[in-house]
Amino acid sequence: MIEARTPVEAARRVARLAVEREAETVVVGMPLMLSGERGEQAELTERFVEHLKALFQGEVLTWDERLTSAQGERAIREMEGERRGPGRKREKGRVDEVAATLLLQSYLDSRRARPLP
């Protein structure tokens, strides 16, 4: 998890990590509304992406993250073998980590599904 106070600081940290890990592409989750429209959070994400593109020489792209948190929550429940119970809340960071993994897997799966040029 990257902690930052501003989108510029977050973009700097992500760009630094991408360079350290010799990444060629950074995939950023785009928080669209269920209708597919862009809301306030999507606008903030777009600003972050603009900063990141200015700092990172590789490819920066966005990927639809709708429902990844719900899928992450479900995956955690399945791994722990539990049923949905009233009053039980997940640690947000843990759900976010699983959601990010699902987002990246979705992106990678889409690349595999495309025919090679």
PDB file of N, CA and C in Angstrom:
ATOM      1  N   MET A   1       0.847  -1.161   0.000  1.00  0.00           N
ATOM      2  CA  MET A   1       0.000   0.000   0.000  1.00  0.00           C
ATOM      3  C   MET A   1       0.903   1.238   0.000  1.00  0.00           C
ATOM      4  N   ILE A   2       0.601   2.166  -0.868  1.00  0.00           N
ATOM      5  CA  ILE A   2       1.368   3.406  -0.947  1.00  0.00           C
ATOM      6  C   ILE A   2       0.578   4.494  -0.253  1.00  0.00           C
ATOM      7  N   GLU A   3       1.203   5.128   0.707  1.00  0.00           N
ATOM      8  CA  GLU A   3       0.558   6.225   1.407  1.00  0.00           C
ATOM      9  C   GLU A   3       1.128   7.534   0.909  1.00  0.00           C
ATOM     10  N   ALA A   4       0.242   8.474   0.595  1.00  0.00           N
ATOM     11  CA  ALA A   4       0.655   9.788   0.116  1.00  0.00           C
ATOM     12  C   ALA A   4      -0.429  10.796   0.456  1.00  0.00           C
ATOM     13  N   ARG A   5      -0.024  12.035   0.608  1.00  0.00           N
ATOM     14  CA  ARG A   5      -0.981  13.081   0.955  1.00  0.00           C
ATOM     15  C   ARG A   5      -1.609  13.742  -0.265  1.00  0.00           C
ATOM     16  N   THR A   6      -0.903  13.703  -1.384  1.00  0.00           N
ATOM     17  CA  THR A   6      -1.402  14.362  -2.596  1.00  0.00           C
ATOM     18  C   THR A   6      -1.256  13.418  -3.789  1.00  0.00           C
ATOM     19  N   PRO A   7      -2.011  13.679  -4.860  1.00  0.00           N
ATOM     20  CA  PRO A   7      -1.848  12.869  -6.078  1.00  0.00           C
ATOM     21  C   PRO A   7      -0.431  12.972  -6.651  1.00  0.00           C
ATOM     22  N   VAL A   8       0.195  14.124  -6.530  1.00  0.00           N
ATOM     23  CA  VAL A   8       1.557  14.297  -7.045  1.00  0.00           C
ATOM     24  C   VAL A   8       2.526  13.416  -6.261  1.00  0.00           C
ATOM     25  N   GLU A   9       2.407  13.414  -4.947  1.00  0.00           N
ATOM     26  CA  GLU A   9       3.272  12.574  -4.112  1.00  0.00           C
ATOM     27  C   GLU A   9       3.035  11.096  -4.420  1.00  0.00           C
ATOM     28  N   ALA A  10       1.780  10.702  -4.577  1.00  0.00           N
ATOM     29  CA  ALA A  10       1.469   9.309  -4.903  1.00  0.00           C
ATOM     30  C   ALA A  10       2.069   8.938  -6.262  1.00  0.00           C
ATOM     31  N   ALA A  11       1.948   9.828  -7.237  1.00  0.00           N
ATOM     32  CA  ALA A  11       2.502   9.556  -8.568  1.00  0.00           C
ATOM     33  C   ALA A  11       4.015   9.420  -8.501  1.00  0.00           C
ATOM     34  N   ARG A  12       4.664  10.241  -7.715  1.00  0.00           N
ATOM     35  CA  ARG A  12       6.127  10.137  -7.565  1.00  0.00           C
ATOM     36  C   ARG A  12       6.520   8.781  -6.982  1.00  0.00           C
ATOM     37  N   ARG A  13       5.808   8.351  -5.971  1.00  0.00           N
ATOM     38  CA  ARG A  13       6.130   7.073  -5.335  1.00  0.00           C
ATOM     39  C   ARG A  13       5.887   5.895  -6.279  1.00  0.00           C
ATOM     40  N   VAL A  14       4.785   5.934  -7.005  1.00  0.00           N
ATOM     41  CA  VAL A  14       4.485   4.856  -7.949  1.00  0.00           C
ATOM     42  C   VAL A  14       5.525   4.849  -9.065  1.00  0.00           C
ATOM     43  N   ALA A  15       5.864   6.026  -9.587  1.00  0.00           N
ATOM     44  CA  ALA A  15       6.861   6.103 -10.661  1.00  0.00           C
ATOM     45  C   ALA A  15       8.204   5.557 -10.181  1.00  0.00           C
ATOM     46  N   ARG A  16       8.591   5.910  -8.965  1.00  0.00           N
ATOM     47  CA  ARG A  16       9.859   5.420  -8.417  1.00  0.00           C
ATOM     48  C   ARG A  16       9.846   3.900  -8.289  1.00  0.00           C
ATOM     49  N   LEU A  17       8.762   3.346  -7.770  1.00  0.00           N
ATOM     50  CA  LEU A  17       8.654   1.887  -7.637  1.00  0.00           C
ATOM     51  C   LEU A  17       8.667   1.198  -9.001  1.00  0.00           C
ATOM     52  N   ALA A  18       7.990   1.781  -9.971  1.00  0.00           N
ATOM     53  CA  ALA A  18       7.954   1.189 -11.313  1.00  0.00           C
ATOM     54  C   ALA A  18       9.353   1.154 -11.916  1.00  0.00           C
ATOM     55  N   VAL A  19      10.113   2.218 -11.733  1.00  0.00           N
ATOM     56  CA  VAL A  19      11.481   2.267 -12.264  1.00  0.00           C
ATOM     57  C   VAL A  19      12.357   1.254 -11.523  1.00  0.00           C
ATOM     58  N   GLU A  20      12.239   1.211 -10.200  1.00  0.00           N
ATOM     59  CA  GLU A  20      13.035   0.263  -9.402  1.00  0.00           C
ATOM     60  C   GLU A  20      12.774  -1.180  -9.829  1.00  0.00           C
ATOM     61  N   ARG A  21      11.533  -1.475 -10.187  1.00  0.00           N
ATOM     62  CA  ARG A  21      11.159  -2.845 -10.562  1.00  0.00           C
ATOM     63  C   ARG A  21      11.236  -3.082 -12.067  1.00  0.00           C
ATOM     64  N   GLU A  22      11.758  -2.086 -12.776  1.00  0.00           N
ATOM     65  CA  GLU A  22      11.939  -2.160 -14.225  1.00  0.00           C
ATOM     66  C   GLU A  22      10.632  -2.489 -14.949  1.00  0.00           C
ATOM     67  N   ALA A  23       9.547  -1.891 -14.475  1.00  0.00           N
ATOM     68  CA  ALA A  23       8.237  -2.090 -15.096  1.00  0.00           C
ATOM     69  C   ALA A  23       8.170  -1.337 -16.415  1.00  0.00           C
ATOM     70  N   GLU A  24       7.481  -1.924 -17.352  1.00  0.00           N
ATOM     71  CA  GLU A  24       7.248  -1.261 -18.631  1.00  0.00           C
ATOM     72  C   GLU A  24       5.872  -0.620 -18.689  1.00  0.00           C
ATOM     73  N   THR A  25       4.958  -1.140 -17.869  1.00  0.00           N
ATOM     74  CA  THR A  25       3.573  -0.664 -17.857  1.00  0.00           C
ATOM     75  C   THR A  25       3.082  -0.557 -16.423  1.00  0.00           C
ATOM     76  N   VAL A  26       2.304   0.490 -16.155  1.00  0.00           N
ATOM     77  CA  VAL A  26       1.621   0.645 -14.875  1.00  0.00           C
ATOM     78  C   VAL A  26       0.124   0.661 -15.184  1.00  0.00           C
ATOM     79  N   VAL A  27      -0.614  -0.215 -14.509  1.00  0.00           N
ATOM     80  CA  VAL A  27      -2.062  -0.299 -14.681  1.00  0.00           C
ATOM     81  C   VAL A  27      -2.713   0.340 -13.460  1.00  0.00           C
ATOM     82  N   VAL A  28      -3.572   1.326 -13.707  1.00  0.00           N
ATOM     83  CA  VAL A  28      -4.247   2.065 -12.636  1.00  0.00           C
ATOM     84  C   VAL A  28      -5.737   1.740 -12.698  1.00  0.00           C
ATOM     85  N   GLY A  29      -6.307   1.336 -11.579  1.00  0.00           N
ATOM     86  CA  GLY A  29      -7.743   1.055 -11.523  1.00  0.00           C
ATOM     87  C   GLY A  29      -8.548   2.328 -11.680  1.00  0.00           C
ATOM     88  N   MET A  30      -9.511   2.312 -12.598  1.00  0.00           N
ATOM     89  CA  MET A  30     -10.394   3.452 -12.810  1.00  0.00           C
ATOM     90  C   MET A  30     -11.719   3.179 -12.108  1.00  0.00           C
ATOM     91  N   PRO A  31     -12.018   3.960 -11.071  1.00  0.00           N
ATOM     92  CA  PRO A  31     -13.235   3.725 -10.282  1.00  0.00           C
ATOM     93  C   PRO A  31     -14.483   4.314 -10.943  1.00  0.00           C
ATOM     94  N   LEU A  32     -14.981   3.620 -11.943  1.00  0.00           N
ATOM     95  CA  LEU A  32     -16.198   4.065 -12.612  1.00  0.00           C
ATOM     96  C   LEU A  32     -17.407   3.746 -11.745  1.00  0.00           C
ATOM     97  N   MET A  33     -18.481   4.473 -11.986  1.00  0.00           N
ATOM     98  CA  MET A  33     -19.735   4.182 -11.304  1.00  0.00           C
ATOM     99  C   MET A  33     -20.321   2.925 -11.943  1.00  0.00           C
ATOM    100  N   LEU A  34     -21.247   2.254 -11.284  1.00  0.00           N
ATOM    101  CA  LEU A  34     -21.831   1.030 -11.831  1.00  0.00           C
ATOM    102  C   LEU A  34     -22.438   1.262 -13.205  1.00  0.00           C
ATOM    103  N   SER A  35     -22.909   2.478 -13.464  1.00  0.00           N
ATOM    104  CA  SER A  35     -23.493   2.821 -14.760  1.00  0.00           C
ATOM    105  C   SER A  35     -22.422   2.968 -15.842  1.00  0.00           C
ATOM    106  N   GLY A  36     -21.136   3.010 -15.436  1.00  0.00           N
ATOM    107  CA  GLY A  36     -20.049   3.210 -16.379  1.00  0.00           C
ATOM    108  C   GLY A  36     -19.624   4.660 -16.501  1.00  0.00           C
ATOM    109  N   GLU A  37     -20.350   5.546 -15.861  1.00  0.00           N
ATOM    110  CA  GLU A  37     -20.025   6.973 -15.910  1.00  0.00           C
ATOM    111  C   GLU A  37     -18.872   7.282 -14.959  1.00  0.00           C
ATOM    112  N   ARG A  38     -18.215   8.391 -15.239  1.00  0.00           N
ATOM    113  CA  ARG A  38     -17.116   8.850 -14.391  1.00  0.00           C
ATOM    114  C   ARG A  38     -17.662   9.801 -13.337  1.00  0.00           C
ATOM    115  N   GLY A  39     -17.354   9.486 -12.099  1.00  0.00           N
ATOM    116  CA  GLY A  39     -17.751  10.347 -10.999  1.00  0.00           C
ATOM    117  C   GLY A  39     -16.558  11.121 -10.466  1.00  0.00           C
ATOM    118  N   GLU A  40     -16.719  11.666  -9.280  1.00  0.00           N
ATOM    119  CA  GLU A  40     -15.668  12.476  -8.662  1.00  0.00           C
ATOM    120  C   GLU A  40     -14.379  11.676  -8.447  1.00  0.00           C
ATOM    121  N   GLN A  41     -14.500  10.445  -7.983  1.00  0.00           N
ATOM    122  CA  GLN A  41     -13.301   9.637  -7.729  1.00  0.00           C
ATOM    123  C   GLN A  41     -12.559   9.330  -9.026  1.00  0.00           C
ATOM    124  N   ALA A  42     -13.288   9.112 -10.111  1.00  0.00           N
ATOM    125  CA  ALA A  42     -12.653   8.862 -11.408  1.00  0.00           C
ATOM    126  C   ALA A  42     -11.898  10.103 -11.878  1.00  0.00           C
ATOM    127  N   GLU A  43     -12.451  11.274 -11.628  1.00  0.00           N
ATOM    128  CA  GLU A  43     -11.773  12.520 -12.003  1.00  0.00           C
ATOM    129  C   GLU A  43     -10.472  12.676 -11.221  1.00  0.00           C
ATOM    130  N   LEU A  44     -10.502  12.336  -9.936  1.00  0.00           N
ATOM    131  CA  LEU A  44      -9.275  12.395  -9.123  1.00  0.00           C
ATOM    132  C   LEU A  44      -8.242  11.393  -9.648  1.00  0.00           C
ATOM    133  N   THR A  45      -8.717  10.225 -10.028  1.00  0.00           N
ATOM    134  CA  THR A  45      -7.816   9.202 -10.570  1.00  0.00           C
ATOM    135  C   THR A  45      -7.196   9.675 -11.880  1.00  0.00           C
ATOM    136  N   GLU A  46      -7.981  10.320 -12.721  1.00  0.00           N
ATOM    137  CA  GLU A  46      -7.455  10.846 -13.984  1.00  0.00           C
ATOM    138  C   GLU A  46      -6.342  11.866 -13.736  1.00  0.00           C
ATOM    139  N   ARG A  47      -6.505  12.705 -12.725  1.00  0.00           N
ATOM    140  CA  ARG A  47      -5.444  13.675 -12.382  1.00  0.00           C
ATOM    141  C   ARG A  47      -4.181  12.955 -11.923  1.00  0.00           C
ATOM    142  N   PHE A  48      -4.351  11.917 -11.106  1.00  0.00           N
ATOM    143  CA  PHE A  48      -3.211  11.112 -10.673  1.00  0.00           C
ATOM    144  C   PHE A  48      -2.502  10.510 -11.887  1.00  0.00           C
ATOM    145  N   VAL A  49      -3.270   9.970 -12.823  1.00  0.00           N
ATOM    146  CA  VAL A  49      -2.699   9.348 -14.022  1.00  0.00           C
ATOM    147  C   VAL A  49      -1.924  10.380 -14.835  1.00  0.00           C
ATOM    148  N   GLU A  50      -2.438  11.588 -14.953  1.00  0.00           N
ATOM    149  CA  GLU A  50      -1.722  12.650 -15.674  1.00  0.00           C
ATOM    150  C   GLU A  50      -0.365  12.914 -15.027  1.00  0.00           C
ATOM    151  N   HIS A  51      -0.335  13.008 -13.701  1.00  0.00           N
ATOM    152  CA  HIS A  51       0.933  13.213 -12.985  1.00  0.00           C
ATOM    153  C   HIS A  51       1.877  12.040 -13.220  1.00  0.00           C
ATOM    154  N   LEU A  52       1.343  10.837 -13.148  1.00  0.00           N
ATOM    155  CA  LEU A  52       2.162   9.646 -13.314  1.00  0.00           C
ATOM    156  C   LEU A  52       2.758   9.581 -14.722  1.00  0.00           C
ATOM    157  N   LYS A  53       1.970   9.903 -15.724  1.00  0.00           N
ATOM    158  CA  LYS A  53       2.463   9.897 -17.106  1.00  0.00           C
ATOM    159  C   LYS A  53       3.604  10.892 -17.300  1.00  0.00           C
ATOM    160  N   ALA A  54       3.559  12.001 -16.565  1.00  0.00           N
ATOM    161  CA  ALA A  54       4.624  13.001 -16.670  1.00  0.00           C
ATOM    162  C   ALA A  54       5.914  12.527 -16.000  1.00  0.00           C
ATOM    163  N   LEU A  55       5.797  11.579 -15.073  1.00  0.00           N
ATOM    164  CA  LEU A  55       6.954  11.124 -14.295  1.00  0.00           C
ATOM    165  C   LEU A  55       7.517   9.779 -14.742  1.00  0.00           C
ATOM    166  N   PHE A  56       6.720   8.985 -15.423  1.00  0.00           N
ATOM    167  CA  PHE A  56       7.108   7.624 -15.777  1.00  0.00           C
ATOM    168  C   PHE A  56       7.188   7.504 -17.287  1.00  0.00           C
ATOM    169  N   GLN A  57       8.287   6.997 -17.781  1.00  0.00           N
ATOM    170  CA  GLN A  57       8.515   6.913 -19.224  1.00  0.00           C
ATOM    171  C   GLN A  57       7.788   5.747 -19.894  1.00  0.00           C
ATOM    172  N   GLY A  58       7.354   4.779 -19.109  1.00  0.00           N
ATOM    173  CA  GLY A  58       6.656   3.624 -19.679  1.00  0.00           C
ATOM    174  C   GLY A  58       5.196   3.926 -19.943  1.00  0.00           C
ATOM    175  N   GLU A  59       4.462   2.870 -20.254  1.00  0.00           N
ATOM    176  CA  GLU A  59       3.028   2.996 -20.538  1.00  0.00           C
ATOM    177  C   GLU A  59       2.253   3.091 -19.222  1.00  0.00           C
ATOM    178  N   VAL A  60       1.301   4.007 -19.169  1.00  0.00           N
ATOM    179  CA  VAL A  60       0.396   4.135 -18.027  1.00  0.00           C
ATOM    180  C   VAL A  60      -1.007   4.021 -18.596  1.00  0.00           C
ATOM    181  N   LEU A  61      -1.766   3.046 -18.111  1.00  0.00           N
ATOM    182  CA  LEU A  61      -3.123   2.890 -18.609  1.00  0.00           C
ATOM    183  C   LEU A  61      -4.083   2.653 -17.465  1.00  0.00           C
ATOM    184  N   THR A  62      -5.349   2.917 -17.738  1.00  0.00           N
ATOM    185  CA  THR A  62      -6.374   2.702 -16.722  1.00  0.00           C
ATOM    186  C   THR A  62      -7.174   1.463 -17.082  1.00  0.00           C
ATOM    187  N   TRP A  63      -7.719   0.834 -16.034  1.00  0.00           N
ATOM    188  CA  TRP A  63      -8.512  -0.377 -16.214  1.00  0.00           C
ATOM    189  C   TRP A  63      -9.723  -0.306 -15.292  1.00  0.00           C
ATOM    190  N   ASP A  64     -10.862  -0.655 -15.809  1.00  0.00           N
ATOM    191  CA  ASP A  64     -12.126  -0.603 -15.074  1.00  0.00           C
ATOM    192  C   ASP A  64     -12.029  -1.445 -13.803  1.00  0.00           C
ATOM    193  N   GLU A  65     -12.273  -0.807 -12.673  1.00  0.00           N
ATOM    194  CA  GLU A  65     -12.181  -1.546 -11.402  1.00  0.00           C
ATOM    195  C   GLU A  65     -13.534  -1.787 -10.753  1.00  0.00           C
ATOM    196  N   ARG A  66     -14.614  -1.556 -11.516  1.00  0.00           N
ATOM    197  CA  ARG A  66     -15.941  -1.793 -10.929  1.00  0.00           C
ATOM    198  C   ARG A  66     -16.052  -3.209 -10.391  1.00  0.00           C
ATOM    199  N   LEU A  67     -16.588  -3.322  -9.229  1.00  0.00           N
ATOM    200  CA  LEU A  67     -16.899  -4.588  -8.547  1.00  0.00           C
ATOM    201  C   LEU A  67     -15.682  -5.365  -8.050  1.00  0.00           C
ATOM    202  N   THR A  68     -14.462  -4.852  -8.231  1.00  0.00           N
ATOM    203  CA  THR A  68     -13.304  -5.620  -7.758  1.00  0.00           C
ATOM    204  C   THR A  68     -13.277  -5.717  -6.237  1.00  0.00           C
ATOM    205  N   SER A  69     -13.745  -4.697  -5.535  1.00  0.00           N
ATOM    206  CA  SER A  69     -13.766  -4.781  -4.064  1.00  0.00           C
ATOM    207  C   SER A  69     -14.752  -5.851  -3.601  1.00  0.00           C
ATOM    208  N   ALA A  70     -15.925  -5.891  -4.248  1.00  0.00           N
ATOM    209  CA  ALA A  70     -16.913  -6.924  -3.891  1.00  0.00           C
ATOM    210  C   ALA A  70     -16.353  -8.312  -4.211  1.00  0.00           C
ATOM    211  N   GLN A  71     -15.657  -8.438  -5.340  1.00  0.00           N
ATOM    212  CA  GLN A  71     -15.050  -9.721  -5.696  1.00  0.00           C
ATOM    213  C   GLN A  71     -13.945 -10.078  -4.711  1.00  0.00           C
ATOM    214  N   GLY A  72     -13.188  -9.081  -4.280  1.00  0.00           N
ATOM    215  CA  GLY A  72     -12.130  -9.311  -3.293  1.00  0.00           C
ATOM    216  C   GLY A  72     -12.696  -9.780  -1.968  1.00  0.00           C
ATOM    217  N   GLU A  73     -13.764  -9.147  -1.544  1.00  0.00           N
ATOM    218  CA  GLU A  73     -14.447  -9.539  -0.299  1.00  0.00           C
ATOM    219  C   GLU A  73     -14.918 -10.985  -0.396  1.00  0.00           C
ATOM    220  N   ARG A  74     -15.524 -11.331  -1.519  1.00  0.00           N
ATOM    221  CA  ARG A  74     -16.022 -12.694  -1.723  1.00  0.00           C
ATOM    222  C   ARG A  74     -14.875 -13.701  -1.737  1.00  0.00           C
ATOM    223  N   ALA A  75     -13.783 -13.349  -2.395  1.00  0.00           N
ATOM    224  CA  ALA A  75     -12.624 -14.254  -2.464  1.00  0.00           C
ATOM    225  C   ALA A  75     -12.052 -14.513  -1.075  1.00  0.00           C
ATOM    226  N   ILE A  76     -11.986 -13.472  -0.255  1.00  0.00           N
ATOM    227  CA  ILE A  76     -11.470 -13.640   1.110  1.00  0.00           C
ATOM    228  C   ILE A  76     -12.389 -14.560   1.908  1.00  0.00           C
ATOM    229  N   ARG A  77     -13.694 -14.352   1.788  1.00  0.00           N
ATOM    230  CA  ARG A  77     -14.645 -15.222   2.500  1.00  0.00           C
ATOM    231  C   ARG A  77     -14.469 -16.667   2.067  1.00  0.00           C
ATOM    232  N   GLU A  78     -14.307 -16.885   0.762  1.00  0.00           N
ATOM    233  CA  GLU A  78     -14.146 -18.251   0.263  1.00  0.00           C
ATOM    234  C   GLU A  78     -12.842 -18.880   0.762  1.00  0.00           C
ATOM    235  N   MET A  79     -11.771 -18.089   0.793  1.00  0.00           N
ATOM    236  CA  MET A  79     -10.490 -18.612   1.274  1.00  0.00           C
ATOM    237  C   MET A  79     -10.567 -18.982   2.747  1.00  0.00           C
ATOM    238  N   GLU A  80     -11.341 -18.198   3.496  1.00  0.00           N
ATOM    239  CA  GLU A  80     -11.450 -18.453   4.927  1.00  0.00           C
ATOM    240  C   GLU A  80     -12.562 -19.440   5.247  1.00  0.00           C
ATOM    241  N   GLY A  81     -13.328 -19.828   4.226  1.00  0.00           N
ATOM    242  CA  GLY A  81     -14.382 -20.813   4.431  1.00  0.00           C
ATOM    243  C   GLY A  81     -15.486 -20.342   5.341  1.00  0.00           C
ATOM    244  N   GLU A  82     -15.840 -19.077   5.218  1.00  0.00           N
ATOM    245  CA  GLU A  82     -16.879 -18.556   6.101  1.00  0.00           C
ATOM    246  C   GLU A  82     -18.080 -18.083   5.307  1.00  0.00           C
ATOM    247  N   ARG A  83     -19.155 -17.931   6.016  1.00  0.00           N
ATOM    248  CA  ARG A  83     -20.375 -17.391   5.432  1.00  0.00           C
ATOM    249  C   ARG A  83     -20.465 -15.918   5.772  1.00  0.00           C
ATOM    250  N   ARG A  84     -21.258 -15.220   4.968  1.00  0.00           N
ATOM    251  CA  ARG A  84     -21.488 -13.808   5.254  1.00  0.00           C
ATOM    252  C   ARG A  84     -22.224 -13.720   6.587  1.00  0.00           C
ATOM    253  N   GLY A  85     -21.659 -13.001   7.488  1.00  0.00           N
ATOM    254  CA  GLY A  85     -22.284 -12.871   8.795  1.00  0.00           C
ATOM    255  C   GLY A  85     -22.493 -11.419   9.143  1.00  0.00           C
ATOM    256  N   PRO A  86     -23.507 -11.117   9.911  1.00  0.00           N
ATOM    257  CA  PRO A  86     -23.769  -9.729  10.271  1.00  0.00           C
ATOM    258  C   PRO A  86     -22.665  -9.180  11.163  1.00  0.00           C
ATOM    259  N   GLY A  87     -22.302  -7.943  10.944  1.00  0.00           N
ATOM    260  CA  GLY A  87     -21.352  -7.260  11.815  1.00  0.00           C
ATOM    261  C   GLY A  87     -19.891  -7.549  11.538  1.00  0.00           C
ATOM    262  N   ARG A  88     -19.572  -8.463  10.647  1.00  0.00           N
ATOM    263  CA  ARG A  88     -18.157  -8.766  10.389  1.00  0.00           C
ATOM    264  C   ARG A  88     -17.643  -7.873   9.271  1.00  0.00           C
ATOM    265  N   LYS A  89     -16.639  -7.085   9.590  1.00  0.00           N
ATOM    266  CA  LYS A  89     -16.056  -6.196   8.582  1.00  0.00           C
ATOM    267  C   LYS A  89     -14.639  -6.632   8.296  1.00  0.00           C
ATOM    268  N   ARG A  90     -14.262  -6.478   7.070  1.00  0.00           N
ATOM    269  CA  ARG A  90     -12.905  -6.821   6.635  1.00  0.00           C
ATOM    270  C   ARG A  90     -11.974  -5.635   6.849  1.00  0.00           C
ATOM    271  N   GLU A  91     -10.746  -5.960   7.040  1.00  0.00           N
ATOM    272  CA  GLU A  91      -9.727  -4.918   7.049  1.00  0.00           C
ATOM    273  C   GLU A  91      -9.656  -4.376   5.618  1.00  0.00           C
ATOM    274  N   LYS A  92      -9.882  -3.068   5.463  1.00  0.00           N
ATOM    275  CA  LYS A  92      -9.960  -2.462   4.135  1.00  0.00           C
ATOM    276  C   LYS A  92      -8.703  -2.708   3.317  1.00  0.00           C
ATOM    277  N   GLY A  93      -7.548  -2.617   3.918  1.00  0.00           N
ATOM    278  CA  GLY A  93      -6.302  -2.819   3.186  1.00  0.00           C
ATOM    279  C   GLY A  93      -6.208  -4.202   2.573  1.00  0.00           C
ATOM    280  N   ARG A  94      -6.689  -5.189   3.289  1.00  0.00           N
ATOM    281  CA  ARG A  94      -6.643  -6.570   2.791  1.00  0.00           C
ATOM    282  C   ARG A  94      -7.565  -6.745   1.586  1.00  0.00           C
ATOM    283  N   VAL A  95      -8.771  -6.183   1.675  1.00  0.00           N
ATOM    284  CA  VAL A  95      -9.702  -6.250   0.548  1.00  0.00           C
ATOM    285  C   VAL A  95      -9.119  -5.504  -0.645  1.00  0.00           C
ATOM    286  N   ASP A  96      -8.510  -4.344  -0.397  1.00  0.00           N
ATOM    287  CA  ASP A  96      -7.902  -3.565  -1.476  1.00  0.00           C
ATOM    288  C   ASP A  96      -6.783  -4.342  -2.169  1.00  0.00           C
ATOM    289  N   GLU A  97      -5.992  -5.074  -1.399  1.00  0.00           N
ATOM    290  CA  GLU A  97      -4.908  -5.872  -1.988  1.00  0.00           C
ATOM    291  C   GLU A  97      -5.457  -6.964  -2.905  1.00  0.00           C
ATOM    292  N   VAL A  98      -6.489  -7.647  -2.446  1.00  0.00           N
ATOM    293  CA  VAL A  98      -7.088  -8.699  -3.264  1.00  0.00           C
ATOM    294  C   VAL A  98      -7.753  -8.080  -4.491  1.00  0.00           C
ATOM    295  N   ALA A  99      -8.437  -6.944  -4.313  1.00  0.00           N
ATOM    296  CA  ALA A  99      -9.081  -6.267  -5.439  1.00  0.00           C
ATOM    297  C   ALA A  99      -8.047  -5.840  -6.472  1.00  0.00           C
ATOM    298  N   ALA A 100      -6.904  -5.337  -6.030  1.00  0.00           N
ATOM    299  CA  ALA A 100      -5.840  -4.935  -6.959  1.00  0.00           C
ATOM    300  C   ALA A 100      -5.306  -6.141  -7.731  1.00  0.00           C
ATOM    301  N   THR A 101      -5.183  -7.259  -7.065  1.00  0.00           N
ATOM    302  CA  THR A 101      -4.737  -8.484  -7.726  1.00  0.00           C
ATOM    303  C   THR A 101      -5.749  -8.910  -8.791  1.00  0.00           C
ATOM    304  N   LEU A 102      -7.025  -8.848  -8.463  1.00  0.00           N
ATOM    305  CA  LEU A 102      -8.073  -9.212  -9.418  1.00  0.00           C
ATOM    306  C   LEU A 102      -8.083  -8.258 -10.607  1.00  0.00           C
ATOM    307  N   LEU A 103      -7.871  -6.977 -10.348  1.00  0.00           N
ATOM    308  CA  LEU A 103      -7.809  -5.975 -11.414  1.00  0.00           C
ATOM    309  C   LEU A 103      -6.668  -6.291 -12.374  1.00  0.00           C
ATOM    310  N   LEU A 104      -5.498  -6.538 -11.825  1.00  0.00           N
ATOM    311  CA  LEU A 104      -4.339  -6.843 -12.668  1.00  0.00           C
ATOM    312  C   LEU A 104      -4.547  -8.144 -13.439  1.00  0.00           C
ATOM    313  N   GLN A 105      -5.126  -9.154 -12.798  1.00  0.00           N
ATOM    314  CA  GLN A 105      -5.382 -10.415 -13.492  1.00  0.00           C
ATOM    315  C   GLN A 105      -6.356 -10.202 -14.641  1.00  0.00           C
ATOM    316  N   SER A 106      -7.360  -9.369 -14.433  1.00  0.00           N
ATOM    317  CA  SER A 106      -8.317  -9.061 -15.493  1.00  0.00           C
ATOM    318  C   SER A 106      -7.613  -8.408 -16.683  1.00  0.00           C
ATOM    319  N   TYR A 107      -6.719  -7.473 -16.406  1.00  0.00           N
ATOM    320  CA  TYR A 107      -5.946  -6.829 -17.472  1.00  0.00           C
ATOM    321  C   TYR A 107      -5.084  -7.856 -18.213  1.00  0.00           C
ATOM    322  N   LEU A 108      -4.364  -8.686 -17.467  1.00  0.00           N
ATOM    323  CA  LEU A 108      -3.490  -9.682 -18.094  1.00  0.00           C
ATOM    324  C   LEU A 108      -4.298 -10.689 -18.921  1.00  0.00           C
ATOM    325  N   ASP A 109      -5.447 -11.106 -18.401  1.00  0.00           N
ATOM    326  CA  ASP A 109      -6.306 -12.028 -19.147  1.00  0.00           C
ATOM    327  C   ASP A 109      -6.768 -11.403 -20.457  1.00  0.00           C
ATOM    328  N   SER A 110      -7.070 -10.120 -20.435  1.00  0.00           N
ATOM    329  CA  SER A 110      -7.531  -9.458 -21.654  1.00  0.00           C
ATOM    330  C   SER A 110      -6.413  -9.408 -22.694  1.00  0.00           C
ATOM    331  N   ARG A 111      -5.192  -9.257 -22.252  1.00  0.00           N
ATOM    332  CA  ARG A 111      -4.053  -9.228 -23.182  1.00  0.00           C
ATOM    333  C   ARG A 111      -3.843 -10.604 -23.807  1.00  0.00           C
ATOM    334  N   ARG A 112      -4.036 -11.646 -23.039  1.00  0.00           N
ATOM    335  CA  ARG A 112      -3.893 -13.012 -23.545  1.00  0.00           C
ATOM    336  C   ARG A 112      -4.980 -13.336 -24.564  1.00  0.00           C
ATOM    337  N   ALA A 113      -6.154 -12.744 -24.360  1.00  0.00           N
ATOM    338  CA  ALA A 113      -7.283 -13.030 -25.239  1.00  0.00           C
ATOM    339  C   ALA A 113      -7.155 -12.347 -26.596  1.00  0.00           C
ATOM    340  N   ARG A 114      -6.344 -11.297 -26.679  1.00  0.00           N
ATOM    341  CA  ARG A 114      -6.158 -10.587 -27.949  1.00  0.00           C
ATOM    342  C   ARG A 114      -5.215 -11.367 -28.859  1.00  0.00           C
ATOM    343  N   PRO A 115      -5.551 -11.442 -30.127  1.00  0.00           N
ATOM    344  CA  PRO A 115      -4.630 -12.120 -31.055  1.00  0.00           C
ATOM    345  C   PRO A 115      -3.366 -11.284 -31.250  1.00  0.00           C
ATOM    346  N   LEU A 116      -2.257 -11.969 -31.434  1.00  0.00           N
ATOM    347  CA  LEU A 116      -0.992 -11.278 -31.660  1.00  0.00           C
ATOM    348  C   LEU A 116      -0.962 -10.700 -33.072  1.00  0.00           C
ATOM    349  N   PRO A 117      -0.337  -9.529 -33.244  1.00  0.00           N
ATOM    350  CA  PRO A 117      -0.278  -8.910 -34.583  1.00  0.00           C
ATOM    351  C   PRO A 117       0.587  -9.694 -35.535  1.00  0.00           C
TER     352      PRO A 117
END
